[in-house]
Structures are given as structure tokens and as C-alpha cells.
Amino acid sequence: MAEPSTMPPVAPPTVPVFDIGGVLLDWDPRYLYEKLLPDAESVERFLSEICTPAWNLEQDRGRPWDEAVDLLVARHPDQAELIRAYRDRWSEMVPGAFEDTVALLETLKSRGPVHAITNFSAEKFHECRERFAFLDLFDTVVVSGEIGQVKPDPAIYHRLLGAAGVPAEACVFIDDVEKNVVGARAVGMHAVRFDGADRLRRDLAGFGML
């Protein structure tokens, strides 16, 4: 007969850790450029060839917006007005929040600490905090643009764990980008990919958090 296991039971996770853009805030540069360019093809070309995701990521890593805009304007002077709009009309890329997800955040906050790790320009995150009161619910927020690290770098997850004083295995990380979910799991966190509030509610219920 096999000996009974002497290993202690694994405790379920209890600490939610949210991404912000794409999970709580509805951010998409297309919301702006659909107003500025004549058709969807022009929008996609501009966002893939001029104001690219890689260029935007450097602002999330901490590069100042003025420097980023000047760099692109020097390369593409014929696109200067459109490039500057990315900085000056950035708020139009965030028309609102995903209210169903915000409601889940509020429920979780009523039961204990909630934290966040976000790839976000420090300048633009400050603007969003002024617009969206729910961003003040977090006990700890690690903003990539403030620390010079972006997901899925393991260092940014460890930064949150240290600041919040929680072990990785106690956390469930929620992100809409698969590589960031994988990065969280690599440091020992539970993690789920966000695909709407209904799916997230089921995922959290599966962990016993709702």
C-alpha cells in the first residue's frame, strides 16, 4: 500500500493582479486615427509603419513623449501632424473603461488587496488616474514607464511581488496579451488571459476568488 502523502495541501491563490489597458481601460489608437485618416487601410498602414507598436512600447518603457514624437517627425516630416496627434490627442484612444471588469475589480477590492502591473507611459497613466477614479483602488501599481521595465520581463513581476509583499503563488495575474500571461507563470504566478468580463468571472470563480 502506498504511503499517504505528507506534502501540505497547496493553498489556492487569493490575490488578484490586473493589467490595465485592454482589461480595465478600452485603449486602441484606432479610435483616434479613424477620425484622422480616410479609411481602415490607411489607419492600419499608419499604425504599422509610422506610429508602430514597437515605437509606442518605448514610451511604456519610459521614453518621454516629446522625444518620441520629435524622433518620428524627423524621419517622417510629411506625417508630422498625424504623429503629434498620437501624443496630443492620446486621450481619444481611451474613450472609456470596461465597466463589467471594473465591477469585478470593485468586488475583489471589497474582499482584500488588489494590485496591478501595467505597460503604460508614466505621463499618460497620470492623465488616466485623473479621469478614472477606479485606478485609485489598487493597493500597489507597478507602471512600466516609471521603472523602465516592461512585461514580460521577469523583473517587472518581481517588482510587484516585492512591493506588495506577496508570494508569486498567492497571485492570479490577468492580462489580455498571451506573452504577458506566460511571463507571469514563468515567475510562479497563476495567470489567465483576459477575454471579457464573463470569462474572467468564471476563471476567478474557478480559483475560489468569487
N, C-alpha and C. Protein backbone atom coordinates (compact mmCIF):
# COMPACT_ATOMS: atom_id res chain seq x y z
N MET A 1 0.85 -1.19 0.00
CA MET A 1 0.00 0.00 0.00
C MET A 1 0.89 1.24 0.00
N ALA A 2 0.55 2.19 -0.84
CA ALA A 2 1.36 3.41 -0.92
C ALA A 2 1.23 4.22 0.35
N GLU A 3 2.34 4.82 0.73
CA GLU A 3 2.33 5.69 1.90
C GLU A 3 1.50 6.94 1.61
N PRO A 4 0.72 7.42 2.57
CA PRO A 4 -0.03 8.67 2.35
C PRO A 4 0.92 9.84 2.19
N SER A 5 0.53 10.77 1.36
CA SER A 5 1.38 11.93 1.10
C SER A 5 1.51 12.77 2.36
N THR A 6 2.74 13.21 2.61
CA THR A 6 2.99 14.11 3.75
C THR A 6 3.13 15.57 3.29
N MET A 7 2.91 15.80 1.98
CA MET A 7 3.01 17.16 1.47
C MET A 7 1.81 17.97 1.93
N PRO A 8 2.01 19.20 2.39
CA PRO A 8 0.87 20.02 2.78
C PRO A 8 0.04 20.40 1.56
N PRO A 9 -1.26 20.59 1.74
CA PRO A 9 -2.08 20.99 0.59
C PRO A 9 -1.65 22.33 0.05
N VAL A 10 -1.76 22.49 -1.27
CA VAL A 10 -1.39 23.76 -1.90
C VAL A 10 -2.54 24.74 -1.69
N ALA A 11 -2.23 25.89 -1.11
CA ALA A 11 -3.27 26.89 -0.86
C ALA A 11 -3.68 27.54 -2.17
N PRO A 12 -4.97 27.79 -2.35
CA PRO A 12 -5.41 28.46 -3.57
C PRO A 12 -4.97 29.91 -3.58
N PRO A 13 -4.81 30.50 -4.75
CA PRO A 13 -4.43 31.91 -4.81
C PRO A 13 -5.55 32.80 -4.29
N THR A 14 -5.18 33.93 -3.75
CA THR A 14 -6.16 34.84 -3.16
C THR A 14 -5.98 36.28 -3.60
N VAL A 15 -4.90 36.59 -4.33
CA VAL A 15 -4.54 37.98 -4.61
C VAL A 15 -4.66 38.26 -6.11
N PRO A 16 -5.63 39.08 -6.53
CA PRO A 16 -5.73 39.43 -7.95
C PRO A 16 -4.73 40.52 -8.34
N VAL A 17 -4.11 40.34 -9.49
CA VAL A 17 -3.17 41.32 -10.04
C VAL A 17 -3.62 41.62 -11.48
N PHE A 18 -4.02 42.85 -11.72
CA PHE A 18 -4.61 43.22 -13.00
C PHE A 18 -3.60 43.91 -13.92
N ASP A 19 -3.68 43.61 -15.21
CA ASP A 19 -3.24 44.54 -16.24
C ASP A 19 -4.30 45.63 -16.33
N ILE A 20 -3.98 46.75 -16.98
CA ILE A 20 -4.95 47.85 -17.04
C ILE A 20 -5.45 48.08 -18.47
N GLY A 21 -4.57 48.46 -19.40
CA GLY A 21 -5.01 48.68 -20.77
C GLY A 21 -5.44 47.38 -21.43
N GLY A 22 -6.64 47.34 -21.97
CA GLY A 22 -7.16 46.14 -22.59
C GLY A 22 -7.91 45.24 -21.65
N VAL A 23 -7.81 45.49 -20.35
CA VAL A 23 -8.54 44.71 -19.34
C VAL A 23 -9.54 45.60 -18.61
N LEU A 24 -9.06 46.75 -18.15
CA LEU A 24 -9.93 47.71 -17.45
C LEU A 24 -10.21 48.96 -18.29
N LEU A 25 -9.21 49.40 -19.03
CA LEU A 25 -9.37 50.56 -19.90
C LEU A 25 -9.43 50.12 -21.36
N ASP A 26 -10.36 50.69 -22.08
CA ASP A 26 -10.55 50.38 -23.50
C ASP A 26 -9.62 51.29 -24.31
N TRP A 27 -8.40 50.81 -24.53
CA TRP A 27 -7.39 51.60 -25.26
C TRP A 27 -7.18 51.01 -26.65
N ASP A 28 -7.24 51.87 -27.66
CA ASP A 28 -6.93 51.44 -29.03
C ASP A 28 -6.66 52.70 -29.85
N PRO A 29 -5.46 52.83 -30.43
CA PRO A 29 -5.17 54.03 -31.24
C PRO A 29 -6.07 54.18 -32.45
N ARG A 30 -6.73 53.12 -32.85
CA ARG A 30 -7.64 53.22 -33.99
C ARG A 30 -8.80 54.17 -33.70
N TYR A 31 -9.20 54.27 -32.44
CA TYR A 31 -10.29 55.19 -32.11
C TYR A 31 -9.96 56.61 -32.56
N LEU A 32 -8.71 57.00 -32.44
CA LEU A 32 -8.28 58.33 -32.88
C LEU A 32 -8.09 58.38 -34.39
N TYR A 33 -7.34 57.44 -34.92
CA TYR A 33 -6.93 57.56 -36.33
C TYR A 33 -8.06 57.27 -37.31
N GLU A 34 -9.12 56.63 -36.86
CA GLU A 34 -10.30 56.51 -37.71
C GLU A 34 -10.95 57.86 -37.95
N LYS A 35 -10.67 58.82 -37.08
CA LYS A 35 -11.17 60.19 -37.27
C LYS A 35 -10.25 61.00 -38.20
N LEU A 36 -8.99 60.61 -38.27
CA LEU A 36 -7.99 61.44 -38.93
C LEU A 36 -7.61 60.94 -40.33
N LEU A 37 -7.87 59.67 -40.60
CA LEU A 37 -7.48 59.08 -41.87
C LEU A 37 -8.72 58.60 -42.62
N PRO A 38 -8.64 58.51 -43.93
CA PRO A 38 -9.86 58.33 -44.73
C PRO A 38 -10.47 56.93 -44.70
N ASP A 39 -9.68 55.90 -44.40
CA ASP A 39 -10.24 54.55 -44.46
C ASP A 39 -9.41 53.62 -43.56
N ALA A 40 -9.95 52.42 -43.35
CA ALA A 40 -9.31 51.46 -42.45
C ALA A 40 -7.93 51.06 -42.94
N GLU A 41 -7.76 50.95 -44.24
CA GLU A 41 -6.44 50.57 -44.78
C GLU A 41 -5.40 51.62 -44.42
N SER A 42 -5.75 52.90 -44.54
CA SER A 42 -4.81 53.97 -44.20
C SER A 42 -4.46 53.94 -42.72
N VAL A 43 -5.46 53.65 -41.89
CA VAL A 43 -5.23 53.57 -40.45
C VAL A 43 -4.24 52.47 -40.14
N GLU A 44 -4.48 51.29 -40.69
CA GLU A 44 -3.60 50.15 -40.40
C GLU A 44 -2.19 50.39 -40.92
N ARG A 45 -2.07 51.02 -42.08
CA ARG A 45 -0.75 51.31 -42.61
C ARG A 45 0.01 52.29 -41.70
N PHE A 46 -0.67 53.33 -41.27
CA PHE A 46 -0.02 54.32 -40.41
C PHE A 46 0.44 53.68 -39.09
N LEU A 47 -0.41 52.85 -38.50
CA LEU A 47 -0.08 52.26 -37.20
C LEU A 47 0.90 51.10 -37.30
N SER A 48 1.10 50.58 -38.48
CA SER A 48 2.09 49.51 -38.65
C SER A 48 3.42 50.01 -39.20
N GLU A 49 3.41 51.21 -39.84
CA GLU A 49 4.63 51.71 -40.48
C GLU A 49 5.18 52.99 -39.86
N ILE A 50 4.35 53.78 -39.20
CA ILE A 50 4.81 55.07 -38.65
C ILE A 50 4.77 55.00 -37.12
N CYS A 51 3.61 55.17 -36.54
CA CYS A 51 3.47 55.06 -35.07
C CYS A 51 3.23 53.59 -34.71
N THR A 52 4.30 52.82 -34.72
CA THR A 52 4.21 51.38 -34.59
C THR A 52 4.09 50.94 -33.13
N PRO A 53 3.65 49.70 -32.89
CA PRO A 53 3.66 49.19 -31.52
C PRO A 53 5.04 49.23 -30.87
N ALA A 54 6.09 48.95 -31.63
CA ALA A 54 7.44 48.99 -31.07
C ALA A 54 7.83 50.40 -30.63
N TRP A 55 7.45 51.40 -31.43
CA TRP A 55 7.71 52.80 -31.07
C TRP A 55 6.94 53.15 -29.80
N ASN A 56 5.67 52.77 -29.73
CA ASN A 56 4.86 53.08 -28.56
C ASN A 56 5.38 52.38 -27.30
N LEU A 57 5.92 51.17 -27.47
CA LEU A 57 6.43 50.43 -26.32
C LEU A 57 7.56 51.17 -25.63
N GLU A 58 8.34 51.93 -26.38
CA GLU A 58 9.43 52.67 -25.76
C GLU A 58 8.92 53.77 -24.83
N GLN A 59 7.74 54.32 -25.11
CA GLN A 59 7.12 55.25 -24.16
C GLN A 59 6.68 54.48 -22.92
N ASP A 60 6.17 53.26 -23.12
CA ASP A 60 5.83 52.42 -21.97
C ASP A 60 7.07 52.09 -21.15
N ARG A 61 8.24 52.08 -21.79
CA ARG A 61 9.49 51.78 -21.10
C ARG A 61 10.07 53.01 -20.42
N GLY A 62 9.48 54.19 -20.70
CA GLY A 62 9.93 55.39 -20.01
C GLY A 62 10.42 56.52 -20.89
N ARG A 63 10.47 56.32 -22.21
CA ARG A 63 10.91 57.41 -23.08
C ARG A 63 9.89 58.55 -23.05
N PRO A 64 10.34 59.80 -22.88
CA PRO A 64 9.41 60.92 -22.86
C PRO A 64 8.69 61.07 -24.20
N TRP A 65 7.44 61.49 -24.13
CA TRP A 65 6.65 61.63 -25.35
C TRP A 65 7.20 62.67 -26.30
N ASP A 66 7.70 63.78 -25.79
CA ASP A 66 8.24 64.81 -26.68
C ASP A 66 9.42 64.26 -27.48
N GLU A 67 10.27 63.51 -26.82
CA GLU A 67 11.42 62.90 -27.51
C GLU A 67 10.95 61.91 -28.56
N ALA A 68 9.96 61.10 -28.22
CA ALA A 68 9.44 60.10 -29.16
C ALA A 68 8.84 60.74 -30.39
N VAL A 69 8.07 61.80 -30.19
CA VAL A 69 7.43 62.48 -31.31
C VAL A 69 8.47 63.17 -32.19
N ASP A 70 9.42 63.85 -31.58
CA ASP A 70 10.46 64.52 -32.36
C ASP A 70 11.24 63.53 -33.22
N LEU A 71 11.50 62.36 -32.67
CA LEU A 71 12.23 61.33 -33.41
C LEU A 71 11.48 60.93 -34.68
N LEU A 72 10.18 60.69 -34.56
CA LEU A 72 9.41 60.27 -35.73
C LEU A 72 9.18 61.41 -36.72
N VAL A 73 8.96 62.60 -36.20
CA VAL A 73 8.75 63.74 -37.10
C VAL A 73 10.00 63.97 -37.95
N ALA A 74 11.17 63.78 -37.36
CA ALA A 74 12.41 63.93 -38.13
C ALA A 74 12.51 62.89 -39.24
N ARG A 75 11.99 61.71 -39.00
CA ARG A 75 12.04 60.64 -40.00
C ARG A 75 10.94 60.79 -41.05
N HIS A 76 9.78 61.30 -40.61
CA HIS A 76 8.61 61.36 -41.49
C HIS A 76 8.00 62.76 -41.41
N PRO A 77 8.70 63.78 -41.89
CA PRO A 77 8.18 65.14 -41.75
C PRO A 77 6.83 65.35 -42.44
N ASP A 78 6.55 64.58 -43.47
CA ASP A 78 5.26 64.72 -44.16
C ASP A 78 4.09 64.19 -43.32
N GLN A 79 4.41 63.46 -42.25
CA GLN A 79 3.39 62.89 -41.36
C GLN A 79 3.36 63.59 -40.00
N ALA A 80 3.96 64.75 -39.91
CA ALA A 80 4.18 65.39 -38.61
C ALA A 80 2.88 65.61 -37.84
N GLU A 81 1.86 66.10 -38.51
CA GLU A 81 0.62 66.40 -37.80
C GLU A 81 -0.01 65.14 -37.25
N LEU A 82 0.00 64.07 -38.03
CA LEU A 82 -0.57 62.81 -37.56
C LEU A 82 0.25 62.22 -36.41
N ILE A 83 1.56 62.35 -36.49
CA ILE A 83 2.42 61.83 -35.42
C ILE A 83 2.17 62.59 -34.13
N ARG A 84 2.11 63.90 -34.21
CA ARG A 84 1.88 64.70 -32.99
C ARG A 84 0.52 64.42 -32.37
N ALA A 85 -0.44 64.04 -33.20
CA ALA A 85 -1.77 63.72 -32.68
C ALA A 85 -1.73 62.52 -31.72
N TYR A 86 -0.80 61.61 -31.95
CA TYR A 86 -0.69 60.44 -31.07
C TYR A 86 -0.41 60.88 -29.63
N ARG A 87 0.40 61.90 -29.47
CA ARG A 87 0.69 62.45 -28.14
C ARG A 87 -0.41 63.39 -27.68
N ASP A 88 -0.78 64.34 -28.56
CA ASP A 88 -1.64 65.44 -28.13
C ASP A 88 -3.10 65.03 -27.97
N ARG A 89 -3.52 64.01 -28.71
CA ARG A 89 -4.92 63.56 -28.66
C ARG A 89 -5.01 62.13 -28.15
N TRP A 90 -4.02 61.75 -27.37
CA TRP A 90 -3.95 60.37 -26.86
C TRP A 90 -5.21 59.99 -26.10
N SER A 91 -5.81 60.92 -25.38
CA SER A 91 -6.99 60.59 -24.57
C SER A 91 -8.14 60.06 -25.42
N GLU A 92 -8.16 60.43 -26.70
CA GLU A 92 -9.22 59.92 -27.58
C GLU A 92 -9.05 58.45 -27.92
N MET A 93 -7.89 57.89 -27.61
CA MET A 93 -7.67 56.46 -27.77
C MET A 93 -8.27 55.67 -26.62
N VAL A 94 -8.68 56.36 -25.57
CA VAL A 94 -9.25 55.72 -24.38
C VAL A 94 -10.62 56.34 -24.12
N PRO A 95 -11.63 55.92 -24.86
CA PRO A 95 -12.94 56.54 -24.70
C PRO A 95 -13.64 56.18 -23.40
N GLY A 96 -13.20 55.12 -22.75
CA GLY A 96 -13.85 54.73 -21.50
C GLY A 96 -13.24 53.48 -20.93
N ALA A 97 -13.91 52.95 -19.92
CA ALA A 97 -13.47 51.73 -19.25
C ALA A 97 -14.39 50.58 -19.60
N PHE A 98 -13.91 49.36 -19.37
CA PHE A 98 -14.75 48.17 -19.46
C PHE A 98 -15.48 48.04 -18.12
N GLU A 99 -16.69 48.53 -18.05
CA GLU A 99 -17.38 48.67 -16.77
C GLU A 99 -17.63 47.33 -16.09
N ASP A 100 -17.87 46.26 -16.87
CA ASP A 100 -18.08 44.95 -16.25
C ASP A 100 -16.82 44.48 -15.54
N THR A 101 -15.66 44.78 -16.11
CA THR A 101 -14.41 44.39 -15.45
C THR A 101 -14.15 45.27 -14.23
N VAL A 102 -14.47 46.55 -14.35
CA VAL A 102 -14.33 47.44 -13.19
C VAL A 102 -15.20 46.95 -12.04
N ALA A 103 -16.40 46.47 -12.35
CA ALA A 103 -17.28 45.94 -11.30
C ALA A 103 -16.65 44.73 -10.61
N LEU A 104 -15.98 43.87 -11.38
CA LEU A 104 -15.26 42.74 -10.78
C LEU A 104 -14.13 43.22 -9.88
N LEU A 105 -13.40 44.22 -10.36
CA LEU A 105 -12.33 44.81 -9.54
C LEU A 105 -12.88 45.32 -8.22
N GLU A 106 -14.00 46.01 -8.27
CA GLU A 106 -14.59 46.57 -7.05
C GLU A 106 -15.03 45.46 -6.09
N THR A 107 -15.58 44.38 -6.65
CA THR A 107 -15.96 43.24 -5.80
C THR A 107 -14.74 42.63 -5.12
N LEU A 108 -13.68 42.42 -5.90
CA LEU A 108 -12.46 41.84 -5.34
C LEU A 108 -11.84 42.76 -4.30
N LYS A 109 -11.87 44.05 -4.55
CA LYS A 109 -11.31 45.01 -3.60
C LYS A 109 -12.07 44.97 -2.28
N SER A 110 -13.36 44.72 -2.34
CA SER A 110 -14.15 44.66 -1.11
C SER A 110 -13.76 43.46 -0.24
N ARG A 111 -13.02 42.52 -0.83
CA ARG A 111 -12.65 41.29 -0.12
C ARG A 111 -11.18 41.25 0.28
N GLY A 112 -10.39 42.18 -0.22
CA GLY A 112 -8.97 42.17 0.12
C GLY A 112 -8.15 43.01 -0.83
N PRO A 113 -6.83 42.97 -0.71
CA PRO A 113 -5.97 43.80 -1.57
C PRO A 113 -6.07 43.41 -3.04
N VAL A 114 -5.91 44.40 -3.89
CA VAL A 114 -5.82 44.20 -5.34
C VAL A 114 -4.62 44.99 -5.84
N HIS A 115 -3.93 44.46 -6.84
CA HIS A 115 -2.71 45.07 -7.34
C HIS A 115 -2.76 45.14 -8.87
N ALA A 116 -1.78 45.83 -9.45
CA ALA A 116 -1.73 45.96 -10.91
C ALA A 116 -0.30 46.03 -11.39
N ILE A 117 -0.07 45.46 -12.57
CA ILE A 117 1.17 45.61 -13.33
C ILE A 117 0.76 46.05 -14.72
N THR A 118 1.25 47.18 -15.17
CA THR A 118 0.79 47.70 -16.45
C THR A 118 1.93 48.24 -17.28
N ASN A 119 1.94 47.89 -18.58
CA ASN A 119 2.81 48.56 -19.54
C ASN A 119 2.12 49.85 -19.94
N PHE A 120 2.64 50.98 -19.47
CA PHE A 120 1.93 52.24 -19.61
C PHE A 120 2.95 53.36 -19.49
N SER A 121 2.86 54.34 -20.37
CA SER A 121 3.63 55.56 -20.22
C SER A 121 3.31 56.21 -18.88
N ALA A 122 4.34 56.65 -18.16
CA ALA A 122 4.09 57.31 -16.88
C ALA A 122 3.27 58.58 -17.06
N GLU A 123 3.55 59.32 -18.13
CA GLU A 123 2.81 60.56 -18.39
C GLU A 123 1.34 60.27 -18.64
N LYS A 124 1.05 59.29 -19.46
CA LYS A 124 -0.33 59.00 -19.82
C LYS A 124 -1.07 58.30 -18.68
N PHE A 125 -0.35 57.53 -17.87
CA PHE A 125 -1.00 56.91 -16.72
C PHE A 125 -1.47 57.97 -15.74
N HIS A 126 -0.67 59.00 -15.55
CA HIS A 126 -1.08 60.11 -14.68
C HIS A 126 -2.35 60.76 -15.20
N GLU A 127 -2.44 60.94 -16.51
CA GLU A 127 -3.66 61.51 -17.10
C GLU A 127 -4.86 60.61 -16.83
N CYS A 128 -4.66 59.30 -16.97
CA CYS A 128 -5.78 58.38 -16.77
C CYS A 128 -6.22 58.33 -15.32
N ARG A 129 -5.30 58.49 -14.40
CA ARG A 129 -5.69 58.50 -12.98
C ARG A 129 -6.60 59.68 -12.68
N GLU A 130 -6.40 60.77 -13.40
CA GLU A 130 -7.27 61.92 -13.20
C GLU A 130 -8.66 61.69 -13.79
N ARG A 131 -8.75 60.84 -14.81
CA ARG A 131 -10.04 60.57 -15.47
C ARG A 131 -10.81 59.43 -14.82
N PHE A 132 -10.12 58.42 -14.33
CA PHE A 132 -10.77 57.18 -13.91
C PHE A 132 -10.48 56.91 -12.43
N ALA A 133 -11.48 57.16 -11.59
CA ALA A 133 -11.29 57.06 -10.15
C ALA A 133 -10.96 55.63 -9.71
N PHE A 134 -11.43 54.62 -10.44
CA PHE A 134 -11.19 53.25 -10.01
C PHE A 134 -9.71 52.89 -9.99
N LEU A 135 -8.86 53.64 -10.69
CA LEU A 135 -7.43 53.34 -10.67
C LEU A 135 -6.82 53.59 -9.29
N ASP A 136 -7.52 54.30 -8.43
CA ASP A 136 -7.04 54.51 -7.07
C ASP A 136 -7.40 53.35 -6.14
N LEU A 137 -8.11 52.34 -6.65
CA LEU A 137 -8.46 51.20 -5.81
C LEU A 137 -7.27 50.29 -5.54
N PHE A 138 -6.26 50.34 -6.38
CA PHE A 138 -5.16 49.38 -6.25
C PHE A 138 -4.30 49.69 -5.03
N ASP A 139 -3.94 48.63 -4.33
CA ASP A 139 -3.02 48.78 -3.21
C ASP A 139 -1.60 49.02 -3.69
N THR A 140 -1.24 48.38 -4.79
CA THR A 140 0.08 48.55 -5.41
C THR A 140 -0.11 48.59 -6.92
N VAL A 141 0.53 49.56 -7.57
CA VAL A 141 0.53 49.62 -9.03
C VAL A 141 1.97 49.75 -9.50
N VAL A 142 2.40 48.83 -10.33
CA VAL A 142 3.72 48.92 -10.96
C VAL A 142 3.49 49.37 -12.39
N VAL A 143 3.97 50.58 -12.71
CA VAL A 143 3.80 51.19 -14.02
C VAL A 143 5.14 51.11 -14.75
N SER A 144 5.15 50.46 -15.89
CA SER A 144 6.40 50.21 -16.60
C SER A 144 7.17 51.50 -16.87
N GLY A 145 6.46 52.55 -17.29
CA GLY A 145 7.13 53.79 -17.63
C GLY A 145 7.80 54.48 -16.46
N GLU A 146 7.42 54.11 -15.24
CA GLU A 146 8.03 54.70 -14.05
C GLU A 146 9.30 53.97 -13.62
N ILE A 147 9.44 52.70 -14.05
CA ILE A 147 10.57 51.90 -13.58
C ILE A 147 11.50 51.45 -14.70
N GLY A 148 11.12 51.71 -15.96
CA GLY A 148 11.98 51.35 -17.09
C GLY A 148 12.02 49.87 -17.41
N GLN A 149 10.96 49.15 -17.04
CA GLN A 149 10.86 47.72 -17.34
C GLN A 149 9.46 47.46 -17.89
N VAL A 150 9.37 46.57 -18.87
CA VAL A 150 8.07 46.25 -19.46
C VAL A 150 7.82 44.74 -19.40
N LYS A 151 6.55 44.39 -19.29
CA LYS A 151 6.17 42.97 -19.42
C LYS A 151 6.52 42.50 -20.83
N PRO A 152 6.98 41.26 -20.97
CA PRO A 152 7.03 40.19 -19.97
C PRO A 152 8.39 40.01 -19.29
N ASP A 153 9.17 41.04 -19.13
CA ASP A 153 10.43 40.95 -18.39
C ASP A 153 10.14 40.43 -16.98
N PRO A 154 10.80 39.36 -16.54
CA PRO A 154 10.53 38.84 -15.20
C PRO A 154 10.70 39.89 -14.11
N ALA A 155 11.56 40.87 -14.34
CA ALA A 155 11.84 41.86 -13.31
C ALA A 155 10.61 42.66 -12.91
N ILE A 156 9.71 42.91 -13.85
CA ILE A 156 8.56 43.75 -13.53
C ILE A 156 7.57 42.99 -12.63
N TYR A 157 7.46 41.68 -12.83
CA TYR A 157 6.60 40.88 -11.95
C TYR A 157 7.22 40.81 -10.55
N HIS A 158 8.52 40.60 -10.50
CA HIS A 158 9.18 40.56 -9.19
C HIS A 158 9.09 41.91 -8.48
N ARG A 159 9.08 42.98 -9.25
CA ARG A 159 8.93 44.31 -8.65
C ARG A 159 7.59 44.40 -7.92
N LEU A 160 6.55 43.91 -8.54
CA LEU A 160 5.22 43.92 -7.90
C LEU A 160 5.21 43.04 -6.66
N LEU A 161 5.74 41.85 -6.78
CA LEU A 161 5.72 40.92 -5.65
C LEU A 161 6.46 41.49 -4.45
N GLY A 162 7.59 42.14 -4.71
CA GLY A 162 8.34 42.75 -3.62
C GLY A 162 7.61 43.93 -3.00
N ALA A 163 7.05 44.78 -3.86
CA ALA A 163 6.35 45.97 -3.37
C ALA A 163 5.09 45.61 -2.59
N ALA A 164 4.38 44.58 -3.07
CA ALA A 164 3.13 44.18 -2.41
C ALA A 164 3.37 43.24 -1.24
N GLY A 165 4.54 42.65 -1.19
CA GLY A 165 4.85 41.72 -0.10
C GLY A 165 4.05 40.44 -0.16
N VAL A 166 3.87 39.90 -1.37
CA VAL A 166 3.10 38.67 -1.54
C VAL A 166 3.93 37.66 -2.32
N PRO A 167 3.76 36.37 -2.03
CA PRO A 167 4.45 35.35 -2.82
C PRO A 167 3.78 35.16 -4.17
N ALA A 168 4.55 34.75 -5.15
CA ALA A 168 4.02 34.59 -6.50
C ALA A 168 2.84 33.64 -6.54
N GLU A 169 2.93 32.54 -5.81
CA GLU A 169 1.90 31.52 -5.89
C GLU A 169 0.56 31.97 -5.28
N ALA A 170 0.56 33.07 -4.56
CA ALA A 170 -0.69 33.59 -3.99
C ALA A 170 -1.46 34.45 -4.98
N CYS A 171 -0.84 34.76 -6.13
CA CYS A 171 -1.40 35.74 -7.07
C CYS A 171 -2.03 35.10 -8.29
N VAL A 172 -3.08 35.76 -8.79
CA VAL A 172 -3.62 35.46 -10.12
C VAL A 172 -3.46 36.72 -10.96
N PHE A 173 -2.66 36.62 -12.00
CA PHE A 173 -2.41 37.75 -12.89
C PHE A 173 -3.35 37.68 -14.08
N ILE A 174 -3.91 38.83 -14.45
CA ILE A 174 -4.92 38.93 -15.51
C ILE A 174 -4.41 39.89 -16.58
N ASP A 175 -4.26 39.40 -17.81
CA ASP A 175 -3.72 40.24 -18.88
C ASP A 175 -4.36 39.79 -20.20
N ASP A 176 -4.52 40.75 -21.13
CA ASP A 176 -5.11 40.41 -22.42
C ASP A 176 -4.07 39.95 -23.44
N VAL A 177 -2.78 39.99 -23.09
CA VAL A 177 -1.70 39.63 -24.02
C VAL A 177 -1.08 38.31 -23.56
N GLU A 178 -1.09 37.33 -24.44
CA GLU A 178 -0.68 35.99 -24.06
C GLU A 178 0.76 35.95 -23.55
N LYS A 179 1.69 36.66 -24.19
CA LYS A 179 3.09 36.58 -23.74
C LYS A 179 3.26 37.14 -22.33
N ASN A 180 2.40 38.07 -21.93
CA ASN A 180 2.48 38.59 -20.56
C ASN A 180 1.92 37.59 -19.56
N VAL A 181 0.92 36.83 -19.98
CA VAL A 181 0.40 35.74 -19.15
C VAL A 181 1.48 34.68 -18.95
N VAL A 182 2.14 34.32 -20.04
CA VAL A 182 3.22 33.34 -19.96
C VAL A 182 4.34 33.85 -19.06
N GLY A 183 4.67 35.14 -19.16
CA GLY A 183 5.70 35.71 -18.32
C GLY A 183 5.36 35.64 -16.84
N ALA A 184 4.10 35.86 -16.51
CA ALA A 184 3.68 35.77 -15.11
C ALA A 184 3.80 34.34 -14.59
N ARG A 185 3.40 33.39 -15.41
CA ARG A 185 3.50 31.99 -14.99
C ARG A 185 4.96 31.58 -14.79
N ALA A 186 5.85 32.16 -15.60
CA ALA A 186 7.27 31.81 -15.51
C ALA A 186 7.88 32.21 -14.18
N VAL A 187 7.31 33.22 -13.51
CA VAL A 187 7.84 33.61 -12.20
C VAL A 187 7.05 32.98 -11.06
N GLY A 188 6.11 32.09 -11.38
CA GLY A 188 5.40 31.34 -10.36
C GLY A 188 4.01 31.82 -10.03
N MET A 189 3.52 32.84 -10.75
CA MET A 189 2.16 33.32 -10.52
C MET A 189 1.16 32.44 -11.29
N HIS A 190 -0.03 32.33 -10.76
CA HIS A 190 -1.14 31.87 -11.58
C HIS A 190 -1.48 33.00 -12.55
N ALA A 191 -1.99 32.67 -13.72
CA ALA A 191 -2.29 33.74 -14.68
C ALA A 191 -3.36 33.27 -15.65
N VAL A 192 -4.20 34.21 -16.06
CA VAL A 192 -5.24 33.92 -17.03
C VAL A 192 -5.24 35.01 -18.09
N ARG A 193 -5.56 34.62 -19.31
CA ARG A 193 -5.69 35.60 -20.37
C ARG A 193 -7.10 36.20 -20.36
N PHE A 194 -7.16 37.50 -20.38
CA PHE A 194 -8.45 38.19 -20.35
C PHE A 194 -9.12 38.11 -21.71
N ASP A 195 -10.36 37.66 -21.70
CA ASP A 195 -11.18 37.59 -22.92
C ASP A 195 -12.61 37.99 -22.57
N GLY A 196 -12.74 39.10 -21.86
CA GLY A 196 -14.05 39.59 -21.48
C GLY A 196 -14.35 39.30 -20.02
N ALA A 197 -15.26 40.11 -19.46
CA ALA A 197 -15.58 40.02 -18.04
C ALA A 197 -16.25 38.70 -17.68
N ASP A 198 -17.09 38.17 -18.56
CA ASP A 198 -17.78 36.91 -18.25
C ASP A 198 -16.79 35.78 -18.09
N ARG A 199 -15.83 35.69 -19.01
CA ARG A 199 -14.82 34.64 -18.91
C ARG A 199 -13.95 34.85 -17.67
N LEU A 200 -13.60 36.08 -17.39
CA LEU A 200 -12.78 36.35 -16.20
C LEU A 200 -13.53 35.96 -14.93
N ARG A 201 -14.82 36.24 -14.88
CA ARG A 201 -15.61 35.87 -13.71
C ARG A 201 -15.56 34.35 -13.50
N ARG A 202 -15.66 33.60 -14.58
CA ARG A 202 -15.59 32.14 -14.46
C ARG A 202 -14.20 31.70 -14.01
N ASP A 203 -13.17 32.32 -14.59
CA ASP A 203 -11.80 31.95 -14.20
C ASP A 203 -11.56 32.21 -12.72
N LEU A 204 -12.00 33.36 -12.24
CA LEU A 204 -11.78 33.70 -10.82
C LEU A 204 -12.60 32.80 -9.91
N ALA A 205 -13.81 32.47 -10.35
CA ALA A 205 -14.62 31.55 -9.57
C ALA A 205 -13.94 30.19 -9.46
N GLY A 206 -13.26 29.78 -10.54
CA GLY A 206 -12.55 28.52 -10.52
C GLY A 206 -11.43 28.50 -9.49
N PHE A 207 -10.86 29.64 -9.18
CA PHE A 207 -9.84 29.76 -8.14
C PHE A 207 -10.45 29.96 -6.76
N GLY A 208 -11.79 30.06 -6.68
CA GLY A 208 -12.44 30.30 -5.40
C GLY A 208 -12.39 31.73 -4.94
N MET A 209 -12.12 32.67 -5.88
CA MET A 209 -11.98 34.07 -5.52
C MET A 209 -13.28 34.85 -5.66
N LEU A 210 -14.29 34.25 -6.27
CA LEU A 210 -15.61 34.87 -6.41
C LEU A 210 -16.69 33.87 -5.98
